[in-house]
Amino acid sequence: RTGPSSIDEVDLIPRQALFGNPERANVQISP
C-alpha cells in the first residue's frame, strides 16, 4: 500500500479545472 487511506488525504480537484473551457483543443494543421 502506497496511497491514501482516506479520500480526505487527496487534494480536491476544482470543478473549474475539470469542466471549464479547455485551454486549447482540436489542434489541426492546414493541408
Full PDB file with SEQRES, HELIX, SHEET, SSBOND, CRYST1, ORIGX, SCALE, CONECT and MASTER records, all heavy atoms in Angstrom:
SEQRES   1 A   31  ARG THR GLY PRO SER SER ILE ASP GLU VAL ASP LEU ILE          
SEQRES   2 A   31  PRO ARG GLN ALA LEU PHE GLY ASN PRO GLU ARG ALA ASN          
SEQRES   3 A   31  VAL GLN ILE SER PRO                                          
HELIX    1 AA1 ILE A    7  GLU A    9  5                                   3    
HELIX    2 AA2 ARG A   15  PHE A   19  1                                   5    
CRYST1    1.000    1.000    1.000  90.00  90.00  90.00 P 1           1          
ORIGX1      1.000000  0.000000  0.000000        0.00000                         
ORIGX2      0.000000  1.000000  0.000000        0.00000                         
ORIGX3      0.000000  0.000000  1.000000        0.00000                         
SCALE1      1.000000  0.000000  0.000000        0.00000                         
SCALE2      0.000000  1.000000  0.000000        0.00000                         
SCALE3      0.000000  0.000000  1.000000        0.00000                         
ATOM      1  N   ARG A   1       0.837  -1.195   0.000  1.00  0.00           N  
ATOM      2  CA  ARG A   1       0.000   0.000   0.000  1.00  0.00           C  
ATOM      3  C   ARG A   1       0.877   1.253   0.000  1.00  0.00           C  
ATOM      4  O   ARG A   1       1.763   1.400   0.832  1.00  0.00           O  
ATOM      5  CB  ARG A   1      -0.897  -0.009   1.237  1.00  0.00           C  
ATOM      6  CG  ARG A   1      -1.731   1.259   1.413  1.00  0.00           C  
ATOM      7  CD  ARG A   1      -2.423   1.256   2.765  1.00  0.00           C  
ATOM      8  NE  ARG A   1      -3.407   0.182   2.838  1.00  0.00           N  
ATOM      9  CZ  ARG A   1      -4.692   0.335   2.539  1.00  0.00           C  
ATOM     10  NH1 ARG A   1      -5.133   1.494   2.105  1.00  0.00           N  
ATOM     11  NH2 ARG A   1      -5.527  -0.669   2.663  1.00  0.00           N  
ATOM     12  N   THR A   2       0.631   2.132  -0.957  1.00  0.00           N  
ATOM     13  CA  THR A   2       1.415   3.359  -1.031  1.00  0.00           C  
ATOM     14  C   THR A   2       0.537   4.598  -1.094  1.00  0.00           C  
ATOM     15  O   THR A   2       1.027   5.704  -0.955  1.00  0.00           O  
ATOM     16  CB  THR A   2       2.317   3.346  -2.279  1.00  0.00           C  
ATOM     17  OG1 THR A   2       1.493   3.209  -3.448  1.00  0.00           O  
ATOM     18  CG2 THR A   2       3.310   2.199  -2.226  1.00  0.00           C  
ATOM     19  N   GLY A   3      -0.750   4.427  -1.316  1.00  0.00           N  
ATOM     20  CA  GLY A   3      -1.637   5.561  -1.494  1.00  0.00           C  
ATOM     21  C   GLY A   3      -2.368   5.946  -0.224  1.00  0.00           C  
ATOM     22  O   GLY A   3      -2.116   5.409   0.857  1.00  0.00           O  
ATOM     23  N   PRO A   4      -3.308   6.875  -0.340  1.00  0.00           N  
ATOM     24  CA  PRO A   4      -4.040   7.375   0.825  1.00  0.00           C  
ATOM     25  C   PRO A   4      -5.014   6.339   1.364  1.00  0.00           C  
ATOM     26  O   PRO A   4      -5.510   5.475   0.641  1.00  0.00           O  
ATOM     27  CB  PRO A   4      -4.775   8.588   0.266  1.00  0.00           C  
ATOM     28  CG  PRO A   4      -4.977   8.264  -1.182  1.00  0.00           C  
ATOM     29  CD  PRO A   4      -3.740   7.516  -1.588  1.00  0.00           C  
ATOM     30  N   SER A   5      -5.304   6.435   2.647  1.00  0.00           N  
ATOM     31  CA  SER A   5      -6.287   5.546   3.268  1.00  0.00           C  
ATOM     32  C   SER A   5      -7.651   6.216   3.371  1.00  0.00           C  
ATOM     33  O   SER A   5      -8.640   5.560   3.662  1.00  0.00           O  
ATOM     34  CB  SER A   5      -5.819   5.126   4.663  1.00  0.00           C  
ATOM     35  OG  SER A   5      -5.618   6.269   5.491  1.00  0.00           O  
ATOM     36  N   SER A   6      -7.693   7.521   3.120  1.00  0.00           N  
ATOM     37  CA  SER A   6      -8.942   8.282   3.179  1.00  0.00           C  
ATOM     38  C   SER A   6      -8.985   9.266   2.022  1.00  0.00           C  
ATOM     39  O   SER A   6      -7.950   9.811   1.618  1.00  0.00           O  
ATOM     40  CB  SER A   6      -9.046   9.030   4.506  1.00  0.00           C  
ATOM     41  OG  SER A   6     -10.073  10.007   4.468  1.00  0.00           O  
ATOM     42  N   ILE A   7     -10.185   9.516   1.498  1.00  0.00           N  
ATOM     43  CA  ILE A   7     -10.314  10.470   0.397  1.00  0.00           C  
ATOM     44  C   ILE A   7      -9.931  11.871   0.848  1.00  0.00           C  
ATOM     45  O   ILE A   7      -9.502  12.715   0.040  1.00  0.00           O  
ATOM     46  CB  ILE A   7     -11.754  10.463  -0.183  1.00  0.00           C  
ATOM     47  CG1 ILE A   7     -11.810  11.237  -1.512  1.00  0.00           C  
ATOM     48  CG2 ILE A   7     -12.746  11.012   0.818  1.00  0.00           C  
ATOM     49  CD1 ILE A   7     -10.965  10.649  -2.605  1.00  0.00           C  
ATOM     50  N   ASP A   8     -10.025  12.147   2.143  1.00  0.00           N  
ATOM     51  CA  ASP A   8      -9.676  13.474   2.647  1.00  0.00           C  
ATOM     52  C   ASP A   8      -8.182  13.757   2.558  1.00  0.00           C  
ATOM     53  O   ASP A   8      -7.761  14.914   2.688  1.00  0.00           O  
ATOM     54  CB  ASP A   8     -10.143  13.622   4.091  1.00  0.00           C  
ATOM     55  CG  ASP A   8     -11.664  13.633   4.206  1.00  0.00           C  
ATOM     56  OD1 ASP A   8     -12.315  14.111   3.257  1.00  0.00           O  
ATOM     57  OD2 ASP A   8     -12.192  13.139   5.214  1.00  0.00           O  
ATOM     58  N   GLU A   9      -7.381  12.710   2.335  1.00  0.00           N  
ATOM     59  CA  GLU A   9      -5.944  12.893   2.160  1.00  0.00           C  
ATOM     60  C   GLU A   9      -5.593  13.279   0.723  1.00  0.00           C  
ATOM     61  O   GLU A   9      -4.436  13.574   0.427  1.00  0.00           O  
ATOM     62  CB  GLU A   9      -5.204  11.610   2.541  1.00  0.00           C  
ATOM     63  CG  GLU A   9      -5.399  11.179   3.988  1.00  0.00           C  
ATOM     64  CD  GLU A   9      -4.760   9.831   4.259  1.00  0.00           C  
ATOM     65  OE1 GLU A   9      -3.764   9.492   3.573  1.00  0.00           O  
ATOM     66  OE2 GLU A   9      -5.249   9.112   5.141  1.00  0.00           O  
ATOM     67  N   VAL A  10      -6.578  13.263  -0.152  1.00  0.00           N  
ATOM     68  CA  VAL A  10      -6.375  13.541  -1.571  1.00  0.00           C  
ATOM     69  C   VAL A  10      -6.800  14.970  -1.867  1.00  0.00           C  
ATOM     70  O   VAL A  10      -7.865  15.420  -1.423  1.00  0.00           O  
ATOM     71  CB  VAL A  10      -7.190  12.551  -2.441  1.00  0.00           C  
ATOM     72  CG1 VAL A  10      -6.975  12.829  -3.921  1.00  0.00           C  
ATOM     73  CG2 VAL A  10      -6.829  11.107  -2.097  1.00  0.00           C  
ATOM     74  N   ASP A  11      -5.999  15.701  -2.626  1.00  0.00           N  
ATOM     75  CA  ASP A  11      -6.352  17.072  -2.986  1.00  0.00           C  
ATOM     76  C   ASP A  11      -7.681  17.103  -3.735  1.00  0.00           C  
ATOM     77  O   ASP A  11      -7.927  16.280  -4.627  1.00  0.00           O  
ATOM     78  CB  ASP A  11      -5.268  17.691  -3.870  1.00  0.00           C  
ATOM     79  CG  ASP A  11      -3.988  17.981  -3.108  1.00  0.00           C  
ATOM     80  OD1 ASP A  11      -4.035  18.031  -1.871  1.00  0.00           O  
ATOM     81  OD2 ASP A  11      -2.940  18.139  -3.767  1.00  0.00           O  
ATOM     82  N   LEU A  12      -8.522  18.061  -3.375  1.00  0.00           N  
ATOM     83  CA  LEU A  12      -9.792  18.244  -4.078  1.00  0.00           C  
ATOM     84  C   LEU A  12      -9.521  18.969  -5.395  1.00  0.00           C  
ATOM     85  O   LEU A  12      -8.948  20.061  -5.407  1.00  0.00           O  
ATOM     86  CB  LEU A  12     -10.755  19.058  -3.228  1.00  0.00           C  
ATOM     87  CG  LEU A  12     -12.178  19.184  -3.793  1.00  0.00           C  
ATOM     88  CD1 LEU A  12     -12.986  17.936  -3.456  1.00  0.00           C  
ATOM     89  CD2 LEU A  12     -12.878  20.420  -3.233  1.00  0.00           C  
ATOM     90  N   ILE A  13      -9.920  18.361  -6.514  1.00  0.00           N  
ATOM     91  CA  ILE A  13      -9.739  18.992  -7.822  1.00  0.00           C  
ATOM     92  C   ILE A  13     -10.906  19.940  -8.061  1.00  0.00           C  
ATOM     93  O   ILE A  13     -12.065  19.522  -8.034  1.00  0.00           O  
ATOM     94  CB  ILE A  13      -9.679  17.942  -8.948  1.00  0.00           C  
ATOM     95  CG1 ILE A  13      -8.568  16.933  -8.684  1.00  0.00           C  
ATOM     96  CG2 ILE A  13      -9.473  18.626 -10.295  1.00  0.00           C  
ATOM     97  CD1 ILE A  13      -8.532  15.790  -9.684  1.00  0.00           C  
ATOM     98  N   PRO A  14     -10.656  21.215  -8.299  1.00  0.00           N  
ATOM     99  CA  PRO A  14     -11.758  22.158  -8.530  1.00  0.00           C  
ATOM    100  C   PRO A  14     -12.565  21.777  -9.773  1.00  0.00           C  
ATOM    101  O   PRO A  14     -12.008  21.323 -10.780  1.00  0.00           O  
ATOM    102  CB  PRO A  14     -11.055  23.504  -8.731  1.00  0.00           C  
ATOM    103  CG  PRO A  14      -9.694  23.329  -8.132  1.00  0.00           C  
ATOM    104  CD  PRO A  14      -9.345  21.887  -8.328  1.00  0.00           C  
ATOM    105  N   ARG A  15     -13.868  21.956  -9.698  1.00  0.00           N  
ATOM    106  CA  ARG A  15     -14.709  21.661 -10.862  1.00  0.00           C  
ATOM    107  C   ARG A  15     -14.288  22.468 -12.078  1.00  0.00           C  
ATOM    108  O   ARG A  15     -14.381  21.998 -13.217  1.00  0.00           O  
ATOM    109  CB  ARG A  15     -16.184  21.926 -10.538  1.00  0.00           C  
ATOM    110  CG  ARG A  15     -16.830  20.897  -9.639  1.00  0.00           C  
ATOM    111  CD  ARG A  15     -18.339  21.118  -9.540  1.00  0.00           C  
ATOM    112  NE  ARG A  15     -18.660  22.426  -8.983  1.00  0.00           N  
ATOM    113  CZ  ARG A  15     -18.837  22.677  -7.693  1.00  0.00           C  
ATOM    114  NH1 ARG A  15     -18.695  21.708  -6.802  1.00  0.00           N  
ATOM    115  NH2 ARG A  15     -19.156  23.886  -7.274  1.00  0.00           N  
ATOM    116  N   GLN A  16     -13.834  23.695 -11.853  1.00  0.00           N  
ATOM    117  CA  GLN A  16     -13.424  24.543 -12.967  1.00  0.00           C  
ATOM    118  C   GLN A  16     -12.320  23.892 -13.779  1.00  0.00           C  
ATOM    119  O   GLN A  16     -12.297  23.991 -15.013  1.00  0.00           O  
ATOM    120  CB  GLN A  16     -12.962  25.899 -12.438  1.00  0.00           C  
ATOM    121  CG  GLN A  16     -12.478  26.872 -13.507  1.00  0.00           C  
ATOM    122  CD  GLN A  16     -13.589  27.360 -14.423  1.00  0.00           C  
ATOM    123  OE1 GLN A  16     -14.701  27.626 -13.967  1.00  0.00           O  
ATOM    124  NE2 GLN A  16     -13.307  27.494 -15.714  1.00  0.00           N  
ATOM    125  N   ALA A  17     -11.386  23.211 -13.130  1.00  0.00           N  
ATOM    126  CA  ALA A  17     -10.280  22.563 -13.836  1.00  0.00           C  
ATOM    127  C   ALA A  17     -10.761  21.397 -14.683  1.00  0.00           C  
ATOM    128  O   ALA A  17     -10.161  21.075 -15.712  1.00  0.00           O  
ATOM    129  CB  ALA A  17      -9.231  22.094 -12.833  1.00  0.00           C  
ATOM    130  N   LEU A  18     -11.856  20.773 -14.259  1.00  0.00           N  
ATOM    131  CA  LEU A  18     -12.380  19.602 -14.964  1.00  0.00           C  
ATOM    132  C   LEU A  18     -13.384  19.963 -16.050  1.00  0.00           C  
ATOM    133  O   LEU A  18     -13.395  19.357 -17.127  1.00  0.00           O  
ATOM    134  CB  LEU A  18     -13.046  18.653 -13.965  1.00  0.00           C  
ATOM    135  CG  LEU A  18     -12.119  17.961 -12.962  1.00  0.00           C  
ATOM    136  CD1 LEU A  18     -12.912  17.453 -11.762  1.00  0.00           C  
ATOM    137  CD2 LEU A  18     -11.377  16.812 -13.641  1.00  0.00           C  
ATOM    138  N   PHE A  19     -14.246  20.947 -15.776  1.00  0.00           N  
ATOM    139  CA  PHE A  19     -15.377  21.220 -16.665  1.00  0.00           C  
ATOM    140  C   PHE A  19     -15.366  22.608 -17.296  1.00  0.00           C  
ATOM    141  O   PHE A  19     -16.241  22.911 -18.103  1.00  0.00           O  
ATOM    142  CB  PHE A  19     -16.688  21.026 -15.899  1.00  0.00           C  
ATOM    143  CG  PHE A  19     -16.888  19.631 -15.394  1.00  0.00           C  
ATOM    144  CD1 PHE A  19     -16.808  19.352 -14.037  1.00  0.00           C  
ATOM    145  CD2 PHE A  19     -17.133  18.589 -16.270  1.00  0.00           C  
ATOM    146  CE1 PHE A  19     -16.984  18.068 -13.568  1.00  0.00           C  
ATOM    147  CE2 PHE A  19     -17.313  17.299 -15.812  1.00  0.00           C  
ATOM    148  CZ  PHE A  19     -17.236  17.031 -14.453  1.00  0.00           C  
ATOM    149  N   GLY A  20     -14.393  23.434 -16.921  1.00  0.00           N  
ATOM    150  CA  GLY A  20     -14.279  24.718 -17.597  1.00  0.00           C  
ATOM    151  C   GLY A  20     -13.752  24.527 -19.005  1.00  0.00           C  
ATOM    152  O   GLY A  20     -13.433  23.414 -19.441  1.00  0.00           O  
ATOM    153  N   ASN A  21     -13.672  25.608 -19.749  1.00  0.00           N  
ATOM    154  CA  ASN A  21     -13.137  25.517 -21.108  1.00  0.00           C  
ATOM    155  C   ASN A  21     -11.746  24.892 -21.100  1.00  0.00           C  
ATOM    156  O   ASN A  21     -10.928  25.203 -20.230  1.00  0.00           O  
ATOM    157  CB  ASN A  21     -13.028  26.915 -21.724  1.00  0.00           C  
ATOM    158  CG  ASN A  21     -14.343  27.410 -22.273  1.00  0.00           C  
ATOM    159  OD1 ASN A  21     -15.122  26.652 -22.832  1.00  0.00           O  
ATOM    160  ND2 ASN A  21     -14.601  28.705 -22.119  1.00  0.00           N  
ATOM    161  N   PRO A  22     -11.440  24.044 -22.082  1.00  0.00           N  
ATOM    162  CA  PRO A  22     -10.051  23.621 -22.237  1.00  0.00           C  
ATOM    163  C   PRO A  22      -9.199  24.818 -22.629  1.00  0.00           C  
ATOM    164  O   PRO A  22      -9.700  25.773 -23.232  1.00  0.00           O  
ATOM    165  CB  PRO A  22     -10.115  22.590 -23.365  1.00  0.00           C  
ATOM    166  CG  PRO A  22     -11.322  22.988 -24.157  1.00  0.00           C  
ATOM    167  CD  PRO A  22     -12.307  23.524 -23.147  1.00  0.00           C  
ATOM    168  N   GLU A  23      -7.914  24.771 -22.279  1.00  0.00           N  
ATOM    169  CA  GLU A  23      -7.048  25.877 -22.682  1.00  0.00           C  
ATOM    170  C   GLU A  23      -6.873  25.889 -24.191  1.00  0.00           C  
ATOM    171  O   GLU A  23      -6.905  26.932 -24.829  1.00  0.00           O  
ATOM    172  CB  GLU A  23      -5.693  25.767 -21.991  1.00  0.00           C  
ATOM    173  CG  GLU A  23      -4.791  26.952 -22.278  1.00  0.00           C  
ATOM    174  CD  GLU A  23      -3.583  27.000 -21.372  1.00  0.00           C  
ATOM    175  OE1 GLU A  23      -3.771  27.181 -20.148  1.00  0.00           O  
ATOM    176  OE2 GLU A  23      -2.452  26.859 -21.885  1.00  0.00           O  
ATOM    177  N   ARG A  24      -6.694  24.719 -24.764  1.00  0.00           N  
ATOM    178  CA  ARG A  24      -6.669  24.549 -26.224  1.00  0.00           C  
ATOM    179  C   ARG A  24      -7.159  23.146 -26.543  1.00  0.00           C  
ATOM    180  O   ARG A  24      -6.919  22.217 -25.779  1.00  0.00           O  
ATOM    181  CB  ARG A  24      -5.263  24.756 -26.806  1.00  0.00           C  
ATOM    182  CG  ARG A  24      -4.730  26.175 -26.679  1.00  0.00           C  
ATOM    183  CD  ARG A  24      -3.325  26.274 -27.242  1.00  0.00           C  
ATOM    184  NE  ARG A  24      -2.774  27.611 -27.139  1.00  0.00           N  
ATOM    185  CZ  ARG A  24      -2.113  28.071 -26.076  1.00  0.00           C  
ATOM    186  NH1 ARG A  24      -1.941  27.286 -25.015  1.00  0.00           N  
ATOM    187  NH2 ARG A  24      -1.629  29.302 -26.051  1.00  0.00           N  
ATOM    188  N   ALA A  25      -7.817  22.992 -27.678  1.00  0.00           N  
ATOM    189  CA  ALA A  25      -8.339  21.689 -28.074  1.00  0.00           C  
ATOM    190  C   ALA A  25      -8.470  21.642 -29.589  1.00  0.00           C  
ATOM    191  O   ALA A  25      -8.394  22.663 -30.271  1.00  0.00           O  
ATOM    192  CB  ALA A  25      -9.698  21.432 -27.414  1.00  0.00           C  
ATOM    193  N   ASN A  26      -8.667  20.434 -30.106  1.00  0.00           N  
ATOM    194  CA  ASN A  26      -8.916  20.222 -31.533  1.00  0.00           C  
ATOM    195  C   ASN A  26      -7.843  20.902 -32.385  1.00  0.00           C  
ATOM    196  O   ASN A  26      -8.133  21.697 -33.284  1.00  0.00           O  
ATOM    197  CB  ASN A  26     -10.307  20.730 -31.905  1.00  0.00           C  
ATOM    198  CG  ASN A  26     -10.774  20.237 -33.268  1.00  0.00           C  
ATOM    199  OD1 ASN A  26     -10.067  19.473 -33.942  1.00  0.00           O  
ATOM    200  ND2 ASN A  26     -11.947  20.679 -33.681  1.00  0.00           N  
ATOM    201  N   VAL A  27      -6.592  20.575 -32.105  1.00  0.00           N  
ATOM    202  CA  VAL A  27      -5.475  21.177 -32.835  1.00  0.00           C  
ATOM    203  C   VAL A  27      -5.351  20.527 -34.212  1.00  0.00           C  
ATOM    204  O   VAL A  27      -5.401  19.305 -34.339  1.00  0.00           O  
ATOM    205  CB  VAL A  27      -4.167  21.023 -32.041  1.00  0.00           C  
ATOM    206  CG1 VAL A  27      -3.002  21.674 -32.790  1.00  0.00           C  
ATOM    207  CG2 VAL A  27      -4.317  21.643 -30.649  1.00  0.00           C  
ATOM    208  N   GLN A  28      -5.196  21.349 -35.248  1.00  0.00           N  
ATOM    209  CA  GLN A  28      -5.071  20.855 -36.614  1.00  0.00           C  
ATOM    210  C   GLN A  28      -3.977  21.622 -37.344  1.00  0.00           C  
ATOM    211  O   GLN A  28      -3.537  22.682 -36.887  1.00  0.00           O  
ATOM    212  CB  GLN A  28      -6.402  21.017 -37.367  1.00  0.00           C  
ATOM    213  CG  GLN A  28      -7.572  20.269 -36.760  1.00  0.00           C  
ATOM    214  CD  GLN A  28      -8.852  20.451 -37.568  1.00  0.00           C  
ATOM    215  OE1 GLN A  28      -8.825  20.569 -38.793  1.00  0.00           O  
ATOM    216  NE2 GLN A  28      -9.983  20.479 -36.872  1.00  0.00           N  
ATOM    217  N   ILE A  29      -3.577  21.084 -38.479  1.00  0.00           N  
ATOM    218  CA  ILE A  29      -2.670  21.793 -39.382  1.00  0.00           C  
ATOM    219  C   ILE A  29      -3.352  21.896 -40.737  1.00  0.00           C  
ATOM    220  O   ILE A  29      -4.057  20.971 -41.159  1.00  0.00           O  
ATOM    221  CB  ILE A  29      -1.300  21.080 -39.496  1.00  0.00           C  
ATOM    222  CG1 ILE A  29      -0.299  21.972 -40.231  1.00  0.00           C  
ATOM    223  CG2 ILE A  29      -1.417  19.705 -40.129  1.00  0.00           C  
ATOM    224  CD1 ILE A  29       1.145  21.513 -40.091  1.00  0.00           C  
ATOM    225  N   SER A  30      -3.207  23.029 -41.408  1.00  0.00           N  
ATOM    226  CA  SER A  30      -3.855  23.208 -42.708  1.00  0.00           C  
ATOM    227  C   SER A  30      -3.238  22.255 -43.727  1.00  0.00           C  
ATOM    228  O   SER A  30      -2.077  21.852 -43.599  1.00  0.00           O  
ATOM    229  CB  SER A  30      -3.724  24.655 -43.177  1.00  0.00           C  
ATOM    230  OG  SER A  30      -2.361  25.028 -43.313  1.00  0.00           O  
ATOM    231  N   PRO A  31      -3.992  21.869 -44.752  1.00  0.00           N  
ATOM    232  CA  PRO A  31      -3.468  20.921 -45.734  1.00  0.00           C  
ATOM    233  C   PRO A  31      -2.167  21.357 -46.385  1.00  0.00           C  
ATOM    234  O   PRO A  31      -1.322  20.511 -46.722  1.00  0.00           O  
ATOM    235  CB  PRO A  31      -4.599  20.820 -46.764  1.00  0.00           C  
ATOM    236  CG  PRO A  31      -5.833  21.146 -45.997  1.00  0.00           C  
ATOM    237  CD  PRO A  31      -5.415  22.184 -45.002  1.00  0.00           C  
TER     238      PRO A  31                                                      
MASTER        0    0    0    2    0    0    0    6  237    1    0    3          
END                                                                             
